[in-house]
Amino acid sequence: MQTAATDSSLEVASWFLNRARSEDWLLEHEKLQSLLFLAQMHYLATHPQTLLMPSLFISGSNGYAAVSYTHLRAHETSLHL
């Protein structure tokens, strides 16, 4: 069984967004999805048997997406994010 270093992909997404904001960068959603996927793969490569986040990634025409983050984006207007 694999364990995860964080509770969700939303924690990691928040870190990336805060880091981009502190550097005055615009982090587009597609770029964030790619960063989440790459971070997961890099963490797994450097920490065998441990995931960075307990997330399932799906592949689409725009690349990879974390399911929990994709679900949040689909409902962001109703959540007023």
Protein backbone atom coordinates (compact mmCIF):
# COMPACT_ATOMS: atom_id res chain seq x y z
CA MET A 1 0.00 0.00 0.00
CA GLN A 2 1.30 3.44 -0.91
CA THR A 3 1.14 6.35 1.47
CA ALA A 4 0.97 10.03 0.54
CA ALA A 5 2.95 12.99 1.83
CA THR A 6 -0.08 15.33 1.63
CA ASP A 7 -3.80 14.90 2.14
CA SER A 8 -4.89 16.00 -1.36
CA SER A 9 -3.83 17.52 -4.65
CA LEU A 10 -5.51 20.74 -3.53
CA GLU A 11 -2.74 21.28 -0.95
CA VAL A 12 -0.08 20.95 -3.63
CA ALA A 13 -2.05 23.14 -6.06
CA SER A 14 -2.35 25.77 -3.35
CA TRP A 15 1.43 25.68 -2.83
CA PHE A 16 2.08 26.17 -6.56
CA LEU A 17 -0.47 29.00 -6.77
CA ASN A 18 0.95 30.78 -3.71
CA ARG A 19 4.48 30.41 -5.05
CA ALA A 20 3.47 31.83 -8.44
CA ARG A 21 1.63 34.70 -6.77
CA SER A 22 4.67 35.56 -4.62
CA GLU A 23 6.80 35.71 -7.78
CA ASP A 24 4.17 37.77 -9.67
CA TRP A 25 3.62 34.96 -12.17
CA LEU A 26 0.38 34.02 -13.85
CA LEU A 27 -0.12 30.28 -13.46
CA GLU A 28 -2.71 29.07 -15.94
CA HIS A 29 -4.86 26.05 -15.08
CA GLU A 30 -3.36 23.82 -17.77
CA LYS A 31 0.15 24.64 -16.54
CA LEU A 32 -0.91 23.90 -12.96
CA GLN A 33 -2.26 20.50 -14.01
CA SER A 34 1.05 19.69 -15.70
CA LEU A 35 2.98 20.80 -12.62
CA LEU A 36 0.83 18.61 -10.37
CA PHE A 37 1.45 15.58 -12.58
CA LEU A 38 5.19 16.25 -12.84
CA ALA A 39 5.47 16.85 -9.09
CA GLN A 40 3.73 13.53 -8.42
CA MET A 41 6.06 11.65 -10.79
CA HIS A 42 9.20 13.37 -9.46
CA TYR A 43 8.23 12.65 -5.85
CA LEU A 44 7.53 9.01 -6.65
CA ALA A 45 10.90 8.70 -8.41
CA THR A 46 12.78 10.16 -5.44
CA HIS A 47 10.68 8.54 -2.68
CA PRO A 48 9.87 4.96 -3.75
CA GLN A 49 6.53 3.58 -2.56
CA THR A 50 5.33 7.05 -1.45
CA LEU A 51 3.06 9.40 -3.35
CA LEU A 52 3.16 13.17 -3.00
CA MET A 53 -0.64 13.32 -3.09
CA PRO A 54 -3.36 10.67 -3.12
CA SER A 55 -4.63 11.67 -6.55
CA LEU A 56 -5.81 9.91 -9.63
CA PHE A 57 -4.69 11.61 -12.85
CA ILE A 58 -6.69 11.38 -16.03
CA SER A 59 -5.38 11.99 -19.51
CA GLY A 60 -7.21 14.32 -21.85
CA SER A 61 -6.63 16.39 -24.95
CA ASN A 62 -4.97 19.11 -22.83
CA GLY A 63 -2.67 16.72 -20.96
CA TYR A 64 -2.99 15.25 -17.49
CA ALA A 65 -5.39 16.43 -14.81
CA ALA A 66 -5.84 15.52 -11.15
CA VAL A 67 -9.42 14.37 -10.70
CA SER A 68 -10.04 16.29 -7.46
CA TYR A 69 -8.72 19.54 -8.93
CA THR A 70 -10.66 19.01 -12.18
CA HIS A 71 -13.83 18.44 -10.14
CA LEU A 72 -13.21 21.66 -8.19
CA ARG A 73 -12.63 23.67 -11.40
CA ALA A 74 -15.88 22.34 -12.85
CA HIS A 75 -17.78 23.70 -9.85
CA GLU A 76 -15.80 26.89 -9.18
CA THR A 77 -18.60 29.23 -10.23
CA SER A 78 -20.96 27.68 -7.73
CA LEU A 79 -18.23 27.85 -5.04
CA HIS A 80 -17.34 31.47 -5.89
CA LEU A 81 -13.60 30.81 -6.17
